[in-house]
Amino acid sequence: MRKRTKITLAVVVGVLLLGSAAAIAGPLIYRDLIAAPAAETPTLTAEDSALAPESTASGSDPLDAAALSGEWTVAQGSEAGYRVDEVLNGVDVTVTGRTDQVTGTLTVDGLTLQAAELTVDVASITTDSSSRDSYFRDNALRVGQYPTATFRLTEPIAVETPPTAGETIERELTGELTLAGVTQTVTFTVQARTDGTTAEIAGQIPIVFADFGVNAPTLGFVSVEDSGYVEFQLVLGRA
C-alpha cells in the first residue's frame, strides 16, 4: 500500500512538473516557431530602395532645391501599420500589422516641407492572426465608426543645404495623429531621401493606446502592452 502511494505521488509530481514546463515552454515555442516573424522596423537602406540605382552612387552633386518644389503623392510600394508587444504567459511576442492602403500628399517649397497629409485604411491592416485582426478592427479601433487613421503636419520642417541624390537625412516631425476618432499631437523622427523624381520616407510614431481611447486587450493568458508604434514606409512620386 505504501509503495502504491509513493508511485501515485510520483505520478502527480511528474504531471505537475510537465504542466509547469509546458506553461513555460509553450509561449516560447509559439514565439520562436509558430508566430510569424515581426516585420522589420521601417528604415531606409540602400539594398531596398525605390530610387534609381544611380541615386545611391557616392560623390553625387547636390540636388536643385527649386526642382524639389511642388506636390508629391504617396505611390505604389508604400505601407503603414502598427507594432505592439503581446505578453503570453510572461513571454513577449512582438506583433506587426501592415496595409498597403495608404494615400496622401506632401507639399515642398525648396528645402522646406510645408505640408503633409496622410490617410491609412485601418480596416485593411492584417497580421498573422485573423482572430487578432478581428479584435483590433471591431473592439480596439472600432473601424466601423472610424475606418481611417490620419496624420497632418502642423510645423513646417526644413533642411539647411540641398541633399545629394539618395542621401538619407533625419528630421523630427510634429503633427496631429488621429486614431479611433481621437486627435493627439505627436513628435517623431523620420528618415527621408530623394533623387528628385522619387522620394522615400520611413518612421515610427510612439503612442499610448489610452491617449486615443483604445483599450489594450487582456485575454487571461495573453495581454497587449499599453503602448506601441504606428509605423510607415512611404514611396512618393511627383504629382
Protein backbone atom coordinates (compact mmCIF):
# COMPACT_ATOMS: atom_id res chain seq x y z
CA MET A 1 0.00 0.00 0.00
CA ARG A 2 2.83 2.37 0.93
CA LYS A 3 4.59 1.58 -2.36
CA ARG A 4 1.46 2.36 -4.35
CA THR A 5 1.14 5.69 -2.52
CA LYS A 6 4.71 6.57 -3.45
CA ILE A 7 4.06 5.74 -7.10
CA THR A 8 0.89 7.83 -7.10
CA LEU A 9 2.70 10.80 -5.57
CA ALA A 10 5.48 10.45 -8.13
CA VAL A 11 2.94 10.48 -10.96
CA VAL A 12 1.22 13.58 -9.55
CA VAL A 13 4.54 15.39 -9.13
CA GLY A 14 5.53 14.40 -12.67
CA VAL A 15 2.27 15.72 -14.10
CA LEU A 16 2.69 18.99 -12.21
CA LEU A 17 6.25 19.35 -13.44
CA LEU A 18 5.21 18.64 -17.02
CA GLY A 19 2.40 21.16 -16.72
CA SER A 20 4.79 23.79 -15.40
CA ALA A 21 7.26 23.06 -18.18
CA ALA A 22 4.51 23.32 -20.79
CA ALA A 23 3.34 26.63 -19.34
CA ILE A 24 6.88 27.98 -19.65
CA ALA A 25 7.88 26.36 -22.92
CA GLY A 26 4.56 26.82 -24.72
CA PRO A 27 4.82 30.63 -25.14
CA LEU A 28 8.48 30.29 -26.16
CA ILE A 29 7.58 27.70 -28.80
CA TYR A 30 4.76 29.94 -30.02
CA ARG A 31 7.06 32.96 -30.26
CA ASP A 32 10.03 31.19 -31.85
CA LEU A 33 8.40 28.53 -34.02
CA ILE A 34 4.72 29.29 -34.66
CA ALA A 35 4.12 33.06 -34.72
CA ALA A 36 5.07 34.87 -37.91
CA PRO A 37 8.25 36.95 -37.52
CA ALA A 38 7.59 40.63 -36.86
CA ALA A 39 8.12 42.94 -39.82
CA GLU A 40 11.36 44.88 -39.86
CA THR A 41 11.35 48.31 -38.25
CA PRO A 42 10.85 50.85 -41.08
CA THR A 43 14.18 52.24 -42.17
CA LEU A 44 15.81 53.33 -45.41
CA THR A 45 18.54 51.05 -46.69
CA ALA A 46 20.38 51.07 -49.99
CA GLU A 47 19.53 47.40 -50.52
CA ASP A 48 15.78 48.05 -50.59
CA SER A 49 15.14 51.28 -52.46
CA ALA A 50 12.63 52.56 -54.98
CA LEU A 51 15.08 55.23 -56.15
CA ALA A 52 17.03 54.87 -59.37
CA PRO A 53 20.16 52.70 -58.79
CA GLU A 54 22.49 55.54 -59.67
CA SER A 55 20.93 57.64 -56.89
CA THR A 56 22.98 55.81 -54.28
CA ALA A 57 26.31 56.42 -56.04
CA SER A 58 28.82 58.33 -53.94
CA GLY A 59 30.03 61.75 -54.98
CA SER A 60 26.73 62.95 -56.48
CA ASP A 61 26.13 66.66 -56.85
CA PRO A 62 23.55 68.35 -54.58
CA LEU A 63 20.01 68.35 -55.92
CA ASP A 64 18.46 71.55 -57.26
CA ALA A 65 16.36 72.89 -54.37
CA ALA A 66 13.95 74.68 -56.69
CA ALA A 67 13.34 71.48 -58.63
CA LEU A 68 12.13 69.74 -55.46
CA SER A 69 9.29 72.22 -55.00
CA GLY A 70 5.73 71.14 -55.63
CA GLU A 71 3.36 68.39 -54.60
CA TRP A 72 4.38 64.79 -54.01
CA THR A 73 1.87 61.94 -53.69
CA VAL A 74 2.02 58.54 -52.00
CA ALA A 75 2.74 55.87 -54.61
CA GLN A 76 2.74 52.10 -55.00
CA GLY A 77 5.14 50.33 -52.66
CA SER A 78 4.02 52.28 -49.59
CA GLU A 79 2.79 50.62 -46.42
CA ALA A 80 1.77 51.51 -42.89
CA GLY A 81 0.61 49.72 -39.77
CA TYR A 82 1.43 49.11 -36.14
CA ARG A 83 3.89 47.34 -33.83
CA VAL A 84 2.91 46.09 -30.36
CA ASP A 85 4.20 43.61 -27.81
CA GLU A 86 1.88 40.87 -26.63
CA VAL A 87 2.67 39.19 -23.31
CA LEU A 88 1.86 35.47 -23.45
CA ASN A 89 2.31 33.88 -20.01
CA GLY A 90 5.17 36.28 -19.30
CA VAL A 91 6.84 35.94 -22.73
CA ASP A 92 6.96 38.99 -25.01
CA VAL A 93 5.81 38.37 -28.59
CA THR A 94 6.20 41.31 -31.00
CA VAL A 95 3.29 41.65 -33.42
CA THR A 96 3.21 43.82 -36.54
CA GLY A 97 0.22 44.64 -38.72
CA ARG A 98 0.55 46.08 -42.21
CA THR A 99 -1.52 47.50 -45.07
CA ASP A 100 -0.63 49.00 -48.44
CA GLN A 101 -3.82 51.08 -48.42
CA VAL A 102 -2.11 54.42 -47.80
CA THR A 103 -2.83 57.72 -49.54
CA GLY A 104 -1.65 61.28 -49.11
CA THR A 105 0.25 64.29 -50.36
CA LEU A 106 3.29 66.30 -49.30
CA THR A 107 3.94 69.88 -50.35
CA VAL A 108 7.56 71.01 -50.68
CA ASP A 109 8.83 74.56 -51.15
CA GLY A 110 12.55 74.44 -51.95
CA LEU A 111 14.18 72.84 -48.91
CA THR A 112 11.08 73.11 -46.69
CA LEU A 113 8.36 70.55 -46.18
CA GLN A 114 5.39 72.89 -45.84
CA ALA A 115 2.50 70.43 -45.53
CA ALA A 116 1.77 66.74 -45.33
CA GLU A 117 -1.49 64.82 -45.04
CA LEU A 118 -1.59 61.04 -44.93
CA THR A 119 -4.50 58.60 -44.59
CA VAL A 120 -4.35 54.90 -43.73
CA ASP A 121 -7.22 52.46 -44.23
CA VAL A 122 -7.13 50.92 -40.74
CA ALA A 123 -9.73 48.27 -41.61
CA SER A 124 -7.31 46.67 -44.10
CA ILE A 125 -4.44 46.19 -41.61
CA THR A 126 -3.65 42.50 -41.12
CA THR A 127 -1.33 40.36 -39.00
CA ASP A 128 -0.71 36.60 -38.98
CA SER A 129 -3.91 36.02 -36.96
CA SER A 130 -7.44 36.63 -38.26
CA SER A 131 -8.88 36.50 -34.72
CA ARG A 132 -6.41 39.16 -33.54
CA ASP A 133 -7.28 41.28 -36.57
CA SER A 134 -10.99 40.98 -35.83
CA TYR A 135 -10.47 42.15 -32.26
CA PHE A 136 -8.37 45.15 -33.27
CA ARG A 137 -10.81 46.13 -36.02
CA ASP A 138 -14.05 45.65 -34.11
CA ASN A 139 -13.17 46.25 -30.46
CA ALA A 140 -9.95 48.22 -30.17
CA LEU A 141 -10.01 50.57 -33.17
CA ARG A 142 -13.75 50.40 -33.94
CA VAL A 143 -13.22 50.69 -37.68
CA GLY A 144 -16.95 50.59 -38.38
CA GLN A 145 -17.08 54.06 -36.89
CA TYR A 146 -13.51 55.21 -37.57
CA PRO A 147 -12.27 53.40 -40.71
CA THR A 148 -9.15 55.52 -41.23
CA ALA A 149 -6.23 56.99 -39.33
CA THR A 150 -4.71 60.28 -40.46
CA PHE A 151 -1.62 62.38 -39.91
CA ARG A 152 -1.35 66.11 -40.65
CA LEU A 153 1.90 68.07 -40.38
CA THR A 154 1.47 71.16 -38.20
CA GLU A 155 5.01 72.56 -38.16
CA PRO A 156 6.97 73.01 -41.43
CA ILE A 157 10.42 71.46 -41.38
CA ALA A 158 13.46 72.43 -43.43
CA VAL A 159 16.95 71.20 -44.24
CA GLU A 160 19.79 73.67 -44.35
CA THR A 161 21.54 72.54 -47.53
CA PRO A 162 20.36 70.61 -50.59
CA PRO A 163 20.90 66.85 -50.18
CA THR A 164 22.64 64.75 -52.78
CA ALA A 165 20.60 62.19 -54.72
CA GLY A 166 19.89 59.19 -52.49
CA GLU A 167 21.31 60.79 -49.35
CA THR A 168 19.38 59.80 -46.21
CA ILE A 169 18.57 62.62 -43.82
CA GLU A 170 16.80 62.51 -40.44
CA ARG A 171 14.48 65.12 -39.00
CA GLU A 172 11.81 65.40 -36.32
CA LEU A 173 8.25 66.00 -37.50
CA THR A 174 5.41 67.38 -35.41
CA GLY A 175 1.78 66.99 -36.36
CA GLU A 176 -1.66 65.70 -35.46
CA LEU A 177 -2.32 61.97 -35.44
CA THR A 178 -5.98 60.95 -35.49
CA LEU A 179 -6.69 57.38 -34.45
CA ALA A 180 -10.06 55.86 -33.44
CA GLY A 181 -11.60 59.32 -33.73
CA VAL A 182 -9.18 60.97 -31.27
CA THR A 183 -6.58 63.53 -32.33
CA GLN A 184 -3.29 63.99 -30.47
CA THR A 185 -0.15 66.00 -31.20
CA VAL A 186 2.85 63.74 -31.88
CA THR A 187 6.55 64.33 -32.49
CA PHE A 188 8.73 61.64 -34.03
CA THR A 189 11.83 61.05 -36.14
CA VAL A 190 11.70 60.24 -39.85
CA GLN A 191 14.28 59.26 -42.43
CA ALA A 192 13.91 60.67 -45.95
CA ARG A 193 15.74 60.59 -49.27
CA THR A 194 15.05 61.51 -52.88
CA ASP A 195 16.62 61.55 -56.30
CA GLY A 196 14.44 64.46 -57.43
CA THR A 197 11.85 62.22 -59.10
CA THR A 198 11.05 59.64 -56.42
CA ALA A 199 11.20 60.06 -52.64
CA GLU A 200 11.08 57.68 -49.68
CA ILE A 201 10.13 58.36 -46.06
CA ALA A 202 10.19 55.94 -43.12
CA GLY A 203 9.46 56.29 -39.43
CA GLN A 204 7.73 55.26 -36.22
CA ILE A 205 5.25 57.22 -34.13
CA PRO A 206 5.25 56.09 -30.47
CA ILE A 207 1.75 56.05 -28.99
CA VAL A 208 0.00 55.19 -25.74
CA PHE A 209 -3.27 53.45 -26.61
CA ALA A 210 -5.25 55.07 -23.79
CA ASP A 211 -4.43 58.51 -25.22
CA PHE A 212 -6.60 57.57 -28.20
CA GLY A 213 -9.34 55.89 -26.19
CA VAL A 214 -8.11 52.44 -27.21
CA ASN A 215 -8.16 49.71 -24.56
CA ALA A 216 -5.33 47.20 -24.89
CA PRO A 217 -6.92 43.74 -24.62
CA THR A 218 -6.27 41.29 -21.80
CA LEU A 219 -7.50 37.77 -22.51
CA GLY A 220 -6.25 35.93 -19.44
CA PHE A 221 -3.25 34.10 -20.87
CA VAL A 222 -2.34 36.89 -23.30
CA SER A 223 -2.34 40.67 -22.91
CA VAL A 224 -1.15 43.58 -25.01
CA GLU A 225 1.20 46.28 -23.74
CA ASP A 226 -0.42 49.68 -23.24
CA SER A 227 1.88 51.37 -25.77
CA GLY A 228 3.17 50.66 -29.26
CA TYR A 229 4.07 52.29 -32.57
CA VAL A 230 2.34 53.48 -35.68
CA GLU A 231 4.81 52.69 -38.48
CA PHE A 232 5.11 53.72 -42.10
CA GLN A 233 7.41 53.34 -45.08
CA LEU A 234 6.32 55.50 -48.00
CA VAL A 235 7.27 55.86 -51.63
CA LEU A 236 6.35 59.21 -53.19
CA GLY A 237 6.26 60.46 -56.74
CA ARG A 238 5.84 63.88 -58.28
CA ALA A 239 2.20 64.86 -58.68
